[in-house]
Amino acid sequence: MQANHSTPEGKTRRLRSAVLWVCALSAMSAFAQELPMKIRLHVNSDMATATLVDNATARDFAALLPLSLTLVEFAKVERIGDLPRKLSTAGAPVGMDPVAGDITYYAPWNNLAIFAGDNVYANGLVRIGKVDTGLVALQRPGPLKVRIERIQD
């Protein structure tokens, strides 16, 4: 038998649901305020910094940090590496036209792709950030050992 909303059990259940909902909204709001987020990429013995954009894919990527990857050269203009799980592409455009310094997620292959040069439009590519400093470290041929972490304020 289900508790009526006017019974003590029903009121307790409604209050518990309301508290959980407020906690979830508070956590989502706090996380959303963290973007755009600054990150640091340790590339072999060099360093680069970048800023993540505010979209669902970037938020999902940020939840993976800190993260260590090996990036390999692809098509001379990309450095790509496999991510440990698929990222959300909710609300993402169908594709994009990347330029040097773009940090992207290539959904069909579940790859992080950092562009060392400009490239043509690609379906399935979602921008999640932009390299601010140190792009030269990512323009070297791979494999590149990369550790990505948030920059603490």
C-alpha atoms as a PDB file:
ATOM      1  CA  MET A   1       0.000   0.000   0.000  1.00  0.00           C
ATOM      2  CA  GLN A   2       1.424   3.385  -1.007  1.00  0.00           C
ATOM      3  CA  ALA A   3       1.561   6.179   1.577  1.00  0.00           C
ATOM      4  CA  ASN A   4      -0.924   9.014   1.118  1.00  0.00           C
ATOM      5  CA  HIS A   5       0.655  12.480   0.711  1.00  0.00           C
ATOM      6  CA  SER A   6      -1.211  13.681   3.827  1.00  0.00           C
ATOM      7  CA  THR A   7       0.022  10.860   6.077  1.00  0.00           C
ATOM      8  CA  PRO A   8       3.240  11.196   8.088  1.00  0.00           C
ATOM      9  CA  GLU A   9       4.887   8.599   5.797  1.00  0.00           C
ATOM     10  CA  GLY A  10       3.824  10.504   2.689  1.00  0.00           C
ATOM     11  CA  LYS A  11       5.095  13.809   4.101  1.00  0.00           C
ATOM     12  CA  THR A  12       8.410  12.194   5.027  1.00  0.00           C
ATOM     13  CA  ARG A  13       8.747  10.701   1.555  1.00  0.00           C
ATOM     14  CA  ARG A  14       7.961  14.091  -0.097  1.00  0.00           C
ATOM     15  CA  LEU A  15      10.437  15.891   2.175  1.00  0.00           C
ATOM     16  CA  ARG A  16      13.152  13.311   1.459  1.00  0.00           C
ATOM     17  CA  SER A  17      12.550  13.677  -2.309  1.00  0.00           C
ATOM     18  CA  ALA A  18      12.693  17.473  -2.050  1.00  0.00           C
ATOM     19  CA  VAL A  19      15.970  17.375  -0.110  1.00  0.00           C
ATOM     20  CA  LEU A  20      17.540  14.998  -2.643  1.00  0.00           C
ATOM     21  CA  TRP A  21      16.360  17.195  -5.533  1.00  0.00           C
ATOM     22  CA  VAL A  22      17.819  20.358  -3.916  1.00  0.00           C
ATOM     23  CA  CYS A  23      21.125  18.567  -3.270  1.00  0.00           C
ATOM     24  CA  ALA A  24      21.294  17.362  -6.882  1.00  0.00           C
ATOM     25  CA  LEU A  25      20.528  20.838  -8.248  1.00  0.00           C
ATOM     26  CA  SER A  26      23.115  22.374  -5.941  1.00  0.00           C
ATOM     27  CA  ALA A  27      25.791  19.910  -7.081  1.00  0.00           C
ATOM     28  CA  MET A  28      24.956  20.465 -10.766  1.00  0.00           C
ATOM     29  CA  SER A  29      24.959  24.236 -10.276  1.00  0.00           C
ATOM     30  CA  ALA A  30      28.329  24.184  -8.503  1.00  0.00           C
ATOM     31  CA  PHE A  31      29.834  22.024 -11.241  1.00  0.00           C
ATOM     32  CA  ALA A  32      28.365  24.157 -14.030  1.00  0.00           C
ATOM     33  CA  GLN A  33      29.959  27.223 -12.451  1.00  0.00           C
ATOM     34  CA  GLU A  34      33.365  25.585 -12.826  1.00  0.00           C
ATOM     35  CA  LEU A  35      33.245  25.982 -16.613  1.00  0.00           C
ATOM     36  CA  PRO A  36      34.935  27.455 -18.436  1.00  0.00           C
ATOM     37  CA  MET A  37      37.667  25.566 -16.589  1.00  0.00           C
ATOM     38  CA  LYS A  38      41.426  25.959 -16.917  1.00  0.00           C
ATOM     39  CA  ILE A  39      43.402  22.761 -17.386  1.00  0.00           C
ATOM     40  CA  ARG A  40      47.082  21.871 -17.592  1.00  0.00           C
ATOM     41  CA  LEU A  41      48.489  19.318 -20.013  1.00  0.00           C
ATOM     42  CA  HIS A  42      51.827  17.800 -19.058  1.00  0.00           C
ATOM     43  CA  VAL A  43      53.217  16.692 -22.434  1.00  0.00           C
ATOM     44  CA  ASN A  44      56.280  14.491 -21.937  1.00  0.00           C
ATOM     45  CA  SER A  45      58.547  17.041 -20.164  1.00  0.00           C
ATOM     46  CA  ASP A  46      56.708  20.163 -21.449  1.00  0.00           C
ATOM     47  CA  MET A  47      53.504  21.858 -20.420  1.00  0.00           C
ATOM     48  CA  ALA A  48      50.489  23.438 -22.102  1.00  0.00           C
ATOM     49  CA  THR A  49      47.446  25.169 -20.655  1.00  0.00           C
ATOM     50  CA  ALA A  50      43.927  25.234 -22.032  1.00  0.00           C
ATOM     51  CA  THR A  51      40.409  26.357 -21.274  1.00  0.00           C
ATOM     52  CA  LEU A  52      37.431  23.997 -21.468  1.00  0.00           C
ATOM     53  CA  VAL A  53      34.246  25.423 -22.964  1.00  0.00           C
ATOM     54  CA  ASP A  54      30.861  25.221 -21.280  1.00  0.00           C
ATOM     55  CA  ASN A  55      29.002  22.335 -22.905  1.00  0.00           C
ATOM     56  CA  ALA A  56      27.802  18.875 -21.841  1.00  0.00           C
ATOM     57  CA  THR A  57      30.729  17.111 -23.524  1.00  0.00           C
ATOM     58  CA  ALA A  58      33.332  19.314 -21.804  1.00  0.00           C
ATOM     59  CA  ARG A  59      31.620  18.834 -18.434  1.00  0.00           C
ATOM     60  CA  ASP A  60      31.675  15.061 -18.942  1.00  0.00           C
ATOM     61  CA  PHE A  61      35.353  15.229 -19.964  1.00  0.00           C
ATOM     62  CA  ALA A  62      36.176  17.337 -16.878  1.00  0.00           C
ATOM     63  CA  ALA A  63      34.667  14.603 -14.702  1.00  0.00           C
ATOM     64  CA  LEU A  64      37.431  12.260 -15.964  1.00  0.00           C
ATOM     65  CA  LEU A  65      40.245  14.529 -14.733  1.00  0.00           C
ATOM     66  CA  PRO A  66      42.979  13.926 -13.792  1.00  0.00           C
ATOM     67  CA  LEU A  67      43.604  11.737 -16.810  1.00  0.00           C
ATOM     68  CA  SER A  68      46.696  10.190 -18.394  1.00  0.00           C
ATOM     69  CA  LEU A  69      46.693   9.370 -22.112  1.00  0.00           C
ATOM     70  CA  THR A  70      49.059   8.555 -24.923  1.00  0.00           C
ATOM     71  CA  LEU A  71      48.364  10.741 -27.940  1.00  0.00           C
ATOM     72  CA  VAL A  72      49.415   9.555 -31.386  1.00  0.00           C
ATOM     73  CA  GLU A  73      49.682  11.523 -34.598  1.00  0.00           C
ATOM     74  CA  PHE A  74      46.733  11.219 -36.959  1.00  0.00           C
ATOM     75  CA  ALA A  75      46.541  12.820 -40.413  1.00  0.00           C
ATOM     76  CA  LYS A  76      49.527  15.050 -39.500  1.00  0.00           C
ATOM     77  CA  VAL A  77      47.264  17.653 -37.863  1.00  0.00           C
ATOM     78  CA  GLU A  78      45.676  15.722 -34.978  1.00  0.00           C
ATOM     79  CA  ARG A  79      46.974  14.162 -31.804  1.00  0.00           C
ATOM     80  CA  ILE A  80      44.459  11.536 -30.705  1.00  0.00           C
ATOM     81  CA  GLY A  81      44.016   9.236 -27.734  1.00  0.00           C
ATOM     82  CA  ASP A  82      41.367   6.793 -26.535  1.00  0.00           C
ATOM     83  CA  LEU A  83      39.211   7.912 -23.619  1.00  0.00           C
ATOM     84  CA  PRO A  84      38.212   5.478 -20.863  1.00  0.00           C
ATOM     85  CA  ARG A  85      34.489   5.884 -21.617  1.00  0.00           C
ATOM     86  CA  LYS A  86      32.100   7.584 -24.029  1.00  0.00           C
ATOM     87  CA  LEU A  87      31.248  11.220 -23.332  1.00  0.00           C
ATOM     88  CA  SER A  88      27.868  12.887 -23.499  1.00  0.00           C
ATOM     89  CA  THR A  89      27.162  14.739 -26.742  1.00  0.00           C
ATOM     90  CA  ALA A  90      23.828  16.163 -25.552  1.00  0.00           C
ATOM     91  CA  GLY A  91      23.129  19.438 -27.327  1.00  0.00           C
ATOM     92  CA  ALA A  92      26.280  19.179 -29.454  1.00  0.00           C
ATOM     93  CA  PRO A  93      26.304  20.281 -33.090  1.00  0.00           C
ATOM     94  CA  VAL A  94      26.563  17.580 -35.778  1.00  0.00           C
ATOM     95  CA  GLY A  95      30.211  18.477 -36.432  1.00  0.00           C
ATOM     96  CA  MET A  96      32.729  21.300 -36.638  1.00  0.00           C
ATOM     97  CA  ASP A  97      35.583  22.844 -38.616  1.00  0.00           C
ATOM     98  CA  PRO A  98      38.627  22.554 -36.306  1.00  0.00           C
ATOM     99  CA  VAL A  99      41.589  24.930 -36.142  1.00  0.00           C
ATOM    100  CA  ALA A 100      45.005  24.616 -34.510  1.00  0.00           C
ATOM    101  CA  GLY A 101      44.679  24.462 -30.739  1.00  0.00           C
ATOM    102  CA  ASP A 102      41.142  23.064 -30.636  1.00  0.00           C
ATOM    103  CA  ILE A 103      40.601  20.316 -28.078  1.00  0.00           C
ATOM    104  CA  THR A 104      37.813  18.083 -29.312  1.00  0.00           C
ATOM    105  CA  TYR A 105      35.953  14.864 -28.740  1.00  0.00           C
ATOM    106  CA  TYR A 106      35.482  12.620 -31.773  1.00  0.00           C
ATOM    107  CA  ALA A 107      32.353  10.702 -30.766  1.00  0.00           C
ATOM    108  CA  PRO A 108      32.431   7.929 -33.431  1.00  0.00           C
ATOM    109  CA  TRP A 109      35.801   6.678 -32.153  1.00  0.00           C
ATOM    110  CA  ASN A 110      35.538   7.859 -28.509  1.00  0.00           C
ATOM    111  CA  ASN A 111      38.765   9.832 -28.932  1.00  0.00           C
ATOM    112  CA  LEU A 112      40.183  13.001 -27.519  1.00  0.00           C
ATOM    113  CA  ALA A 113      41.583  14.879 -30.535  1.00  0.00           C
ATOM    114  CA  ILE A 114      43.832  17.913 -30.137  1.00  0.00           C
ATOM    115  CA  PHE A 115      44.488  19.791 -33.353  1.00  0.00           C
ATOM    116  CA  ALA A 116      48.092  20.772 -34.067  1.00  0.00           C
ATOM    117  CA  GLY A 117      46.963  22.409 -37.329  1.00  0.00           C
ATOM    118  CA  ASP A 118      43.783  23.393 -39.153  1.00  0.00           C
ATOM    119  CA  ASN A 119      41.585  20.731 -40.672  1.00  0.00           C
ATOM    120  CA  VAL A 120      38.351  20.390 -42.638  1.00  0.00           C
ATOM    121  CA  TYR A 121      34.826  20.048 -41.255  1.00  0.00           C
ATOM    122  CA  ALA A 122      34.135  16.669 -39.650  1.00  0.00           C
ATOM    123  CA  ASN A 123      30.865  15.122 -38.505  1.00  0.00           C
ATOM    124  CA  GLY A 124      30.991  13.742 -34.961  1.00  0.00           C
ATOM    125  CA  LEU A 125      33.600  16.263 -33.777  1.00  0.00           C
ATOM    126  CA  VAL A 126      32.690  18.317 -30.681  1.00  0.00           C
ATOM    127  CA  ARG A 127      34.808  21.227 -29.402  1.00  0.00           C
ATOM    128  CA  ILE A 128      35.500  20.884 -25.690  1.00  0.00           C
ATOM    129  CA  GLY A 129      38.300  23.408 -25.290  1.00  0.00           C
ATOM    130  CA  LYS A 130      41.126  25.479 -26.699  1.00  0.00           C
ATOM    131  CA  VAL A 131      44.880  25.404 -25.997  1.00  0.00           C
ATOM    132  CA  ASP A 132      45.913  28.758 -24.487  1.00  0.00           C
ATOM    133  CA  THR A 133      49.680  28.255 -24.171  1.00  0.00           C
ATOM    134  CA  GLY A 134      52.211  25.590 -25.147  1.00  0.00           C
ATOM    135  CA  LEU A 135      50.645  24.351 -28.390  1.00  0.00           C
ATOM    136  CA  VAL A 136      54.144  23.672 -29.717  1.00  0.00           C
ATOM    137  CA  ALA A 137      54.464  20.786 -27.228  1.00  0.00           C
ATOM    138  CA  LEU A 138      51.428  19.165 -28.847  1.00  0.00           C
ATOM    139  CA  GLN A 139      52.617  19.796 -32.404  1.00  0.00           C
ATOM    140  CA  ARG A 140      55.443  17.285 -32.101  1.00  0.00           C
ATOM    141  CA  PRO A 141      54.929  13.888 -33.706  1.00  0.00           C
ATOM    142  CA  GLY A 142      53.717  11.240 -31.269  1.00  0.00           C
ATOM    143  CA  PRO A 143      53.436   9.215 -29.303  1.00  0.00           C
ATOM    144  CA  LEU A 144      53.057  11.850 -26.592  1.00  0.00           C
ATOM    145  CA  LYS A 145      52.515  10.905 -22.968  1.00  0.00           C
ATOM    146  CA  VAL A 146      50.014  13.444 -21.640  1.00  0.00           C
ATOM    147  CA  ARG A 147      48.612  14.001 -18.170  1.00  0.00           C
ATOM    148  CA  ILE A 148      45.639  16.360 -18.032  1.00  0.00           C
ATOM    149  CA  GLU A 149      44.535  17.973 -14.793  1.00  0.00           C
ATOM    150  CA  ARG A 150      42.502  20.903 -13.541  1.00  0.00           C
ATOM    151  CA  ILE A 151      44.376  24.039 -12.617  1.00  0.00           C
ATOM    152  CA  GLN A 152      43.467  24.841  -9.035  1.00  0.00           C
ATOM    153  CA  ASP A 153      42.693  28.493  -8.286  1.00  0.00           C
END
